[in-house]
């Protein structure tokens, strides 16, 4: 698939831990802790890594970290607040919560 030589498919749902601010894949909890990612603010303000994609709505940062003697690569995708013009109006008439693009993408993956 494109630039990724191997893509793993998971047959079971991802085991997530949810806090008031974050949803974390349990498999990566220790690694994220080592990066200091313990709140939304700590993730949003992270300044390390290399920005590999920047477009109006979001940017993607590549983070390299050594895990058990091996270099691992993680990608942090941060979405800017969406322009809500039509969504705000729609929210007035729809009872259910309207999810952001980032949250819809997360729910599709997980």
Protein backbone atom coordinates (compact mmCIF):
# COMPACT_ATOMS: atom_id res chain seq x y z
CA UNK A 1 0.00 0.00 0.00
CA UNK A 2 1.77 3.15 -1.17
CA UNK A 3 4.78 4.08 0.94
CA UNK A 4 3.93 1.53 3.62
CA UNK A 5 5.40 -1.89 2.77
CA UNK A 6 3.38 -3.74 5.38
CA UNK A 7 -0.07 -2.93 6.69
CA UNK A 8 -1.38 -4.92 9.62
CA UNK A 9 -5.06 -5.72 9.83
CA UNK A 10 -6.52 -6.18 13.29
CA UNK A 11 -9.21 -8.81 13.69
CA UNK A 12 -10.23 -7.61 17.15
CA UNK A 13 -11.26 -4.13 18.26
CA UNK A 14 -8.52 -1.90 19.64
CA UNK A 15 -8.53 -1.88 23.45
CA UNK A 16 -8.87 1.79 24.39
CA UNK A 17 -8.61 3.63 27.68
CA UNK A 18 -10.84 6.72 27.86
CA UNK A 19 -10.24 9.64 30.20
CA UNK A 20 -12.02 12.98 30.32
CA UNK A 21 -9.57 14.32 27.73
CA UNK A 22 -8.01 11.43 25.81
CA UNK A 23 -8.75 8.09 24.21
CA UNK A 24 -5.60 5.95 24.27
CA UNK A 25 -4.83 2.60 22.67
CA UNK A 26 -3.86 0.52 25.73
CA UNK A 27 -1.01 -1.09 23.76
CA UNK A 28 0.75 2.31 23.55
CA UNK A 29 -0.07 3.68 27.00
CA UNK A 30 3.49 3.29 28.38
CA UNK A 31 5.09 4.85 25.30
CA UNK A 32 2.70 7.81 25.38
CA UNK A 33 3.47 8.24 29.08
CA UNK A 34 7.20 8.40 28.28
CA UNK A 35 6.44 11.19 25.79
CA UNK A 36 4.54 13.03 28.54
CA UNK A 37 1.17 12.65 26.81
CA UNK A 38 -1.12 12.61 29.81
CA UNK A 39 -3.62 15.31 28.86
CA UNK A 40 -5.08 16.95 25.79
CA UNK A 41 -2.93 20.01 26.46
CA UNK A 42 0.30 17.96 26.53
CA UNK A 43 -0.51 16.38 23.15
CA UNK A 44 -1.66 19.62 21.54
CA UNK A 45 1.42 21.58 22.69
CA UNK A 46 3.97 18.87 21.82
CA UNK A 47 6.72 20.56 19.80
CA UNK A 48 9.04 17.62 19.10
CA UNK A 49 9.11 15.46 16.01
CA UNK A 50 9.01 16.46 12.37
CA UNK A 51 5.98 17.93 10.66
CA UNK A 52 5.47 15.75 7.59
CA UNK A 53 2.17 17.20 6.37
CA UNK A 54 0.49 20.54 6.95
CA UNK A 55 -2.78 21.54 5.38
CA UNK A 56 -5.40 24.05 6.45
CA UNK A 57 -7.47 21.66 8.58
CA UNK A 58 -4.71 19.58 10.18
CA UNK A 59 -1.07 18.72 10.43
CA UNK A 60 0.79 15.45 10.95
CA UNK A 61 3.95 15.13 13.05
CA UNK A 62 6.27 12.13 12.90
CA UNK A 63 7.69 11.16 16.29
CA UNK A 64 10.66 8.77 16.56
CA UNK A 65 11.25 7.05 19.89
CA UNK A 66 13.38 4.11 21.02
CA UNK A 67 11.30 1.26 22.41
CA UNK A 68 13.11 -1.83 23.72
CA UNK A 69 16.21 -0.94 21.70
CA UNK A 70 14.27 -0.43 18.45
CA UNK A 71 13.39 2.88 16.85
CA UNK A 72 9.61 3.20 16.49
CA UNK A 73 7.78 5.81 14.46
CA UNK A 74 4.48 7.33 15.51
CA UNK A 75 2.34 9.84 13.69
CA UNK A 76 0.42 12.46 15.59
CA UNK A 77 -2.41 14.03 13.59
CA UNK A 78 -3.75 17.24 15.05
CA UNK A 79 -6.93 18.79 13.64
CA UNK A 80 -7.52 22.53 13.83
CA UNK A 81 -10.94 23.51 15.09
CA UNK A 82 -13.30 23.05 12.19
CA UNK A 83 -15.17 25.87 10.59
CA UNK A 84 -18.57 25.23 12.03
CA UNK A 85 -20.86 27.53 10.07
CA UNK A 86 -23.30 24.92 8.75
CA UNK A 87 -22.57 22.42 11.51
CA UNK A 88 -23.58 24.87 14.25
CA UNK A 89 -26.85 25.58 12.49
CA UNK A 90 -27.48 21.86 12.01
CA UNK A 91 -26.72 21.23 15.70
CA UNK A 92 -29.63 23.50 16.64
CA UNK A 93 -32.06 21.11 14.94
CA UNK A 94 -30.42 17.72 15.56
CA UNK A 95 -30.53 16.17 19.01
CA UNK A 96 -27.47 13.94 18.71
CA UNK A 97 -23.96 15.31 19.03
CA UNK A 98 -22.27 16.17 15.74
CA UNK A 99 -18.77 14.68 15.76
CA UNK A 100 -15.68 16.40 14.37
CA UNK A 101 -13.89 14.99 11.33
CA UNK A 102 -11.05 13.80 13.58
CA UNK A 103 -13.39 11.92 15.90
CA UNK A 104 -15.27 10.34 12.98
CA UNK A 105 -11.93 9.16 11.54
CA UNK A 106 -10.91 7.72 14.92
CA UNK A 107 -14.23 5.89 15.34
CA UNK A 108 -13.86 4.39 11.84
CA UNK A 109 -10.38 3.07 12.62
CA UNK A 110 -11.16 1.81 16.10
